[in-house]
Amino acid sequence: MNKGTQLQYKTIGHGPPLLLVHGWAMHSNVWAGLIEKFSDSFQIITIDLRGHGASREAPGPYTYDIFAGDIIDLMRELACARITAVGWSMGVSVLLKAAVRSPELFDRFVFISGNPSLVSRPDYSCGIPAVSVQRLYRQVERAYPEGLKNFYRLLFTAGEHELLCHDPRYAAMTDLAAAPAKDAALASLRCLMEEDLRPALTGLTAPTLILHGDEDAICNPAGATFMHTHIPGSQLVLLKQTGHVPFLTRSNDVTRHVRLFLERPHDDHR
């Protein structure tokens, strides 16, 4: 795809297309567990967003609009129509942008641990304090590895850290060697601070499943409830005692909910 931009993607399995979009400071390898669960019945498509993962050398700008355009270009290059798209964290925001621009490409959405606005605003109390994100930005700007380590600590609850500390998937997710280019991390973090995608919610027409941990320290669970309230016909599953990465820490539950959602006829979602 777009060879001049060095963007990398993979396709695995056969069947209806299932696109997986990773979150901030991450990469497509975070989806290994879901790929294993779904590649028997879907064609899995993973992409490393610009500046991230195997697309680390791809030039900027690193914005939601550019990321969304890359996804749309990829879907058209692969001749995929009516895809199911799964976004995690920032990946939810990128998919919201893509859905506004090309709604005809999307058949269903699964939004995992995402918010329409990461930060709270005068008319929106469902985010986290803007000062918290500004603090992380300064940490990442000043001391990149240490700033990312502080972010990684927020991904899981204390109990999840303890349970997963020897899990190779946990190690891969928190491996600084796999971190994005610093300028890409900072630019996309600015988007997370600045973007307010609430207006995109009511225009979604595709069936949508929202999965969120009730102890998510990065994306406020109240934001998931807000999305459910404003996306017509959406379903919401709040997972108990769960942090920001339910597809890793609650993989069996996430798989079950996603399969049930994908197996239901469109008319049953209304």
Protein backbone atom coordinates (compact mmCIF):
# COMPACT_ATOMS: atom_id res chain seq x y z
CA MET A 1 0.00 0.00 0.00
CA ASN A 2 1.27 3.50 -0.83
CA LYS A 3 4.80 2.19 -1.30
CA GLY A 4 6.21 5.67 -1.25
CA THR A 5 5.11 6.13 2.34
CA GLN A 6 6.54 2.79 3.61
CA LEU A 7 3.25 1.87 5.27
CA GLN A 8 3.10 -1.77 6.29
CA TYR A 9 0.11 -4.06 6.56
CA LYS A 10 -0.58 -7.79 6.73
CA THR A 11 -3.46 -10.05 5.73
CA ILE A 12 -4.03 -13.37 7.48
CA GLY A 13 -6.74 -15.98 6.93
CA HIS A 14 -9.72 -16.15 4.59
CA GLY A 15 -13.28 -14.91 4.75
CA PRO A 16 -15.00 -11.57 5.27
CA PRO A 17 -12.51 -8.75 5.94
CA LEU A 18 -11.81 -7.85 9.57
CA LEU A 19 -9.61 -4.76 10.02
CA LEU A 20 -7.68 -4.25 13.29
CA VAL A 21 -6.38 -0.76 14.17
CA HIS A 22 -4.00 -0.40 17.12
CA GLY A 23 -3.70 2.38 19.69
CA TRP A 24 -1.27 5.16 20.56
CA ALA A 25 2.43 4.25 20.88
CA MET A 26 1.61 0.67 19.85
CA HIS A 27 1.83 -1.56 16.77
CA SER A 28 -0.15 -4.25 14.96
CA ASN A 29 1.51 -7.11 16.88
CA VAL A 30 -0.71 -6.30 19.87
CA TRP A 31 -3.47 -8.16 18.01
CA ALA A 32 -1.76 -11.57 18.04
CA GLY A 33 -4.37 -13.10 20.35
CA LEU A 34 -7.37 -11.87 18.35
CA ILE A 35 -5.75 -12.93 15.09
CA GLU A 36 -5.39 -16.44 16.46
CA LYS A 37 -9.07 -16.48 17.50
CA PHE A 38 -10.58 -15.07 14.29
CA SER A 39 -8.32 -15.96 11.35
CA ASP A 40 -10.19 -19.26 10.90
CA SER A 41 -13.29 -17.45 9.65
CA PHE A 42 -12.13 -13.95 8.62
CA GLN A 43 -9.49 -12.34 6.48
CA ILE A 44 -7.66 -10.36 9.15
CA ILE A 45 -6.09 -7.09 8.00
CA THR A 46 -3.65 -5.36 10.33
CA ILE A 47 -1.94 -2.06 9.66
CA ASP A 48 0.89 -0.25 11.41
CA LEU A 49 -0.12 3.40 11.43
CA ARG A 50 2.38 5.96 10.15
CA GLY A 51 5.35 6.30 12.48
CA HIS A 52 4.33 3.17 14.41
CA GLY A 53 5.54 -0.43 14.35
CA ALA A 54 6.81 -1.60 10.97
CA SER A 55 5.68 1.75 9.49
CA ARG A 56 8.05 3.62 11.82
CA GLU A 57 9.93 5.23 8.92
CA ALA A 58 6.81 6.45 7.11
CA PRO A 59 6.81 10.25 6.90
CA GLY A 60 4.28 12.47 8.63
CA PRO A 61 2.19 14.37 9.29
CA TYR A 62 0.91 12.03 12.02
CA THR A 63 -2.68 13.07 12.49
CA TYR A 64 -6.05 11.34 12.74
CA ASP A 65 -6.97 12.68 9.31
CA ILE A 66 -3.86 11.20 7.72
CA PHE A 67 -4.24 7.89 9.56
CA ALA A 68 -7.89 7.69 8.47
CA GLY A 69 -6.95 8.47 4.88
CA ASP A 70 -4.36 5.69 4.94
CA ILE A 71 -6.98 3.20 6.12
CA ILE A 72 -9.43 4.28 3.43
CA ASP A 73 -6.70 4.00 0.78
CA LEU A 74 -5.79 0.51 2.02
CA MET A 75 -9.39 -0.70 1.95
CA ARG A 76 -9.77 0.53 -1.61
CA GLU A 77 -6.43 -0.95 -2.67
CA LEU A 78 -7.51 -4.33 -1.28
CA ALA A 79 -10.95 -3.92 -2.88
CA CYS A 80 -12.58 -4.36 0.52
CA ALA A 81 -16.13 -3.15 0.91
CA ARG A 82 -18.41 -3.39 3.93
CA ILE A 83 -15.63 -4.40 6.31
CA THR A 84 -15.84 -4.99 10.04
CA ALA A 85 -13.37 -2.64 11.73
CA VAL A 86 -12.00 -3.12 15.22
CA GLY A 87 -10.28 -0.17 16.87
CA TRP A 88 -8.47 -0.03 20.18
CA SER A 89 -7.94 3.23 22.08
CA MET A 90 -6.64 5.79 19.55
CA GLY A 91 -7.68 3.29 16.87
CA VAL A 92 -11.30 4.06 17.78
CA SER A 93 -10.70 7.74 17.07
CA VAL A 94 -9.05 6.97 13.74
CA LEU A 95 -11.98 4.77 12.70
CA LEU A 96 -14.46 7.49 13.66
CA LYS A 97 -12.60 9.84 11.32
CA ALA A 98 -12.60 7.24 8.55
CA ALA A 99 -16.31 6.53 9.02
CA VAL A 100 -17.20 10.18 8.56
CA ARG A 101 -15.23 10.33 5.31
CA SER A 102 -16.19 6.95 3.79
CA PRO A 103 -19.15 5.38 5.62
CA GLU A 104 -19.84 3.09 2.66
CA LEU A 105 -16.69 1.05 3.45
CA PHE A 106 -17.82 -0.11 6.88
CA ASP A 107 -20.26 -2.87 7.75
CA ARG A 108 -19.75 -3.02 11.54
CA PHE A 109 -17.55 -1.50 14.21
CA VAL A 110 -16.04 -2.87 17.40
CA PHE A 111 -14.70 -0.10 19.62
CA ILE A 112 -12.39 -1.29 22.40
CA SER A 113 -11.27 1.09 25.17
CA GLY A 114 -11.88 4.25 23.17
CA ASN A 115 -13.39 7.67 23.83
CA PRO A 116 -14.75 10.30 21.45
CA SER A 117 -12.66 12.84 23.39
CA LEU A 118 -9.79 11.65 25.56
CA VAL A 119 -9.95 14.76 27.74
CA SER A 120 -12.82 16.38 29.58
CA ARG A 121 -14.18 19.64 28.20
CA PRO A 122 -16.46 22.36 29.57
CA ASP A 123 -19.52 20.53 28.17
CA TYR A 124 -18.09 17.00 28.48
CA SER A 125 -17.11 15.44 31.80
CA CYS A 126 -16.51 11.90 30.49
CA GLY A 127 -12.81 12.28 29.70
CA ILE A 128 -9.71 12.48 31.85
CA PRO A 129 -8.28 15.82 33.04
CA ALA A 130 -6.42 17.60 30.25
CA VAL A 131 -3.59 18.29 32.69
CA SER A 132 -2.92 14.53 32.92
CA VAL A 133 -2.37 14.26 29.17
CA GLN A 134 -0.31 17.45 29.13
CA ARG A 135 1.90 15.96 31.85
CA LEU A 136 2.41 12.80 29.81
CA TYR A 137 3.22 14.89 26.74
CA ARG A 138 5.94 16.78 28.64
CA GLN A 139 7.35 13.51 29.97
CA VAL A 140 7.49 11.97 26.50
CA GLU A 141 8.99 15.14 25.03
CA ARG A 142 11.64 15.47 27.74
CA ALA A 143 12.62 11.83 28.35
CA TYR A 144 11.04 9.61 25.71
CA PRO A 145 11.69 6.12 27.14
CA GLU A 146 10.72 7.09 30.67
CA GLY A 147 7.58 8.85 29.45
CA LEU A 148 6.51 5.72 27.59
CA LYS A 149 7.19 3.58 30.65
CA ASN A 150 4.85 5.81 32.64
CA PHE A 151 2.20 5.29 29.97
CA TYR A 152 2.70 1.52 29.94
CA ARG A 153 2.07 1.42 33.69
CA LEU A 154 -1.40 2.81 33.07
CA LEU A 155 -2.39 0.11 30.57
CA PHE A 156 -3.23 -2.49 33.20
CA THR A 157 -4.66 -2.62 36.70
CA ALA A 158 -2.30 -3.61 39.52
CA GLY A 159 -3.79 -7.09 39.52
CA GLU A 160 -3.39 -7.41 35.75
CA HIS A 161 0.28 -6.37 35.93
CA GLU A 162 0.88 -9.08 38.51
CA LEU A 163 -0.91 -11.77 36.51
CA LEU A 164 0.70 -10.88 33.18
CA CYS A 165 4.25 -9.99 34.19
CA HIS A 166 5.64 -13.23 32.68
CA ASP A 167 3.35 -13.28 29.64
CA PRO A 168 5.29 -12.77 26.36
CA ARG A 169 2.37 -10.79 24.92
CA TYR A 170 2.63 -8.36 27.85
CA ALA A 171 6.37 -8.05 27.26
CA ALA A 172 5.83 -7.39 23.56
CA MET A 173 3.29 -4.65 24.28
CA THR A 174 5.57 -2.83 26.72
CA ASP A 175 8.81 -3.31 24.76
CA LEU A 176 10.47 0.07 24.26
CA ALA A 177 12.29 -1.30 21.21
CA ALA A 178 8.91 -1.47 19.45
CA ALA A 179 7.97 2.12 20.35
CA PRO A 180 7.02 4.53 17.56
CA ALA A 181 9.20 7.32 16.29
CA LYS A 182 9.25 10.10 18.88
CA ASP A 183 7.85 12.74 16.52
CA ALA A 184 4.98 10.41 15.59
CA ALA A 185 4.24 9.71 19.25
CA LEU A 186 4.18 13.39 20.13
CA ALA A 187 2.11 14.45 17.12
CA SER A 188 -0.53 11.76 17.63
CA LEU A 189 -0.61 12.50 21.37
CA ARG A 190 -1.41 16.11 20.49
CA CYS A 191 -4.33 14.81 18.44
CA LEU A 192 -5.53 12.85 21.45
CA MET A 193 -5.48 16.07 23.48
CA GLU A 194 -7.10 18.26 20.84
CA GLU A 195 -9.57 16.16 18.85
CA ASP A 196 -13.24 16.09 19.83
CA LEU A 197 -15.08 13.48 17.79
CA ARG A 198 -18.45 13.63 19.53
CA PRO A 199 -20.14 15.04 16.39
CA ALA A 200 -19.18 11.86 14.50
CA LEU A 201 -21.12 9.54 16.81
CA THR A 202 -24.71 10.23 15.82
CA GLY A 203 -23.87 9.81 12.13
CA LEU A 204 -22.70 6.21 12.52
CA THR A 205 -25.16 3.87 10.82
CA ALA A 206 -23.21 0.60 11.04
CA PRO A 207 -23.92 -1.73 13.99
CA THR A 208 -21.42 -0.95 16.75
CA LEU A 209 -20.18 -2.94 19.74
CA ILE A 210 -18.41 -1.01 22.50
CA LEU A 211 -16.15 -2.96 24.88
CA HIS A 212 -14.53 -1.20 27.82
CA GLY A 213 -12.87 -2.06 31.12
CA ASP A 214 -14.52 -0.52 34.17
CA GLU A 215 -11.08 0.25 35.68
CA ASP A 216 -9.53 1.76 32.54
CA ALA A 217 -7.10 4.47 33.72
CA ILE A 218 -6.45 5.87 30.23
CA CYS A 219 -9.86 6.19 28.56
CA ASN A 220 -12.58 6.99 31.06
CA PRO A 221 -15.29 4.29 31.13
CA ALA A 222 -17.84 7.11 31.26
CA GLY A 223 -16.75 7.96 27.71
CA ALA A 224 -17.78 4.49 26.59
CA THR A 225 -21.22 5.03 28.10
CA PHE A 226 -21.40 8.39 26.32
CA MET A 227 -20.62 6.70 22.99
CA HIS A 228 -23.26 4.05 23.63
CA THR A 229 -25.83 6.77 24.35
CA HIS A 230 -25.01 8.68 21.16
CA ILE A 231 -24.36 5.91 18.60
CA PRO A 232 -27.76 4.70 17.37
CA GLY A 233 -28.41 1.03 18.15
CA SER A 234 -24.99 0.41 19.70
CA GLN A 235 -24.25 -2.25 22.31
CA LEU A 236 -22.10 -1.64 25.39
CA VAL A 237 -20.22 -4.23 27.44
CA LEU A 238 -18.40 -2.99 30.56
CA LEU A 239 -15.92 -5.59 31.76
CA LYS A 240 -15.46 -5.75 35.53
CA GLN A 241 -12.05 -5.28 37.16
CA THR A 242 -10.50 -4.66 33.76
CA GLY A 243 -8.04 -2.04 32.54
CA HIS A 244 -7.21 -0.63 29.12
CA VAL A 245 -6.31 -3.87 27.28
CA PRO A 246 -9.27 -6.25 27.65
CA PHE A 247 -8.43 -8.19 24.49
CA LEU A 248 -5.31 -9.35 26.34
CA THR A 249 -6.46 -9.55 29.96
CA ARG A 250 -9.99 -10.82 29.20
CA SER A 251 -9.37 -12.44 25.87
CA ASN A 252 -11.96 -15.20 26.17
CA ASP A 253 -14.70 -12.75 27.17
CA VAL A 254 -13.78 -10.32 24.40
CA THR A 255 -13.72 -13.12 21.83
CA ARG A 256 -17.13 -14.35 22.96
CA HIS A 257 -18.74 -10.90 22.83
CA VAL A 258 -17.24 -10.10 19.44
CA ARG A 259 -18.31 -13.44 17.93
CA LEU A 260 -21.86 -13.04 19.19
CA PHE A 261 -21.96 -9.52 17.78
CA LEU A 262 -20.64 -10.58 14.37
CA GLU A 263 -23.01 -13.54 14.14
CA ARG A 264 -26.15 -11.47 14.68
CA PRO A 265 -28.02 -10.39 11.52
CA HIS A 266 -28.00 -6.66 10.85
CA ASP A 267 -31.70 -6.31 11.58
CA ASP A 268 -31.19 -7.69 15.11
CA HIS A 269 -28.93 -4.77 15.98
CA ARG A 270 -31.73 -2.24 15.60
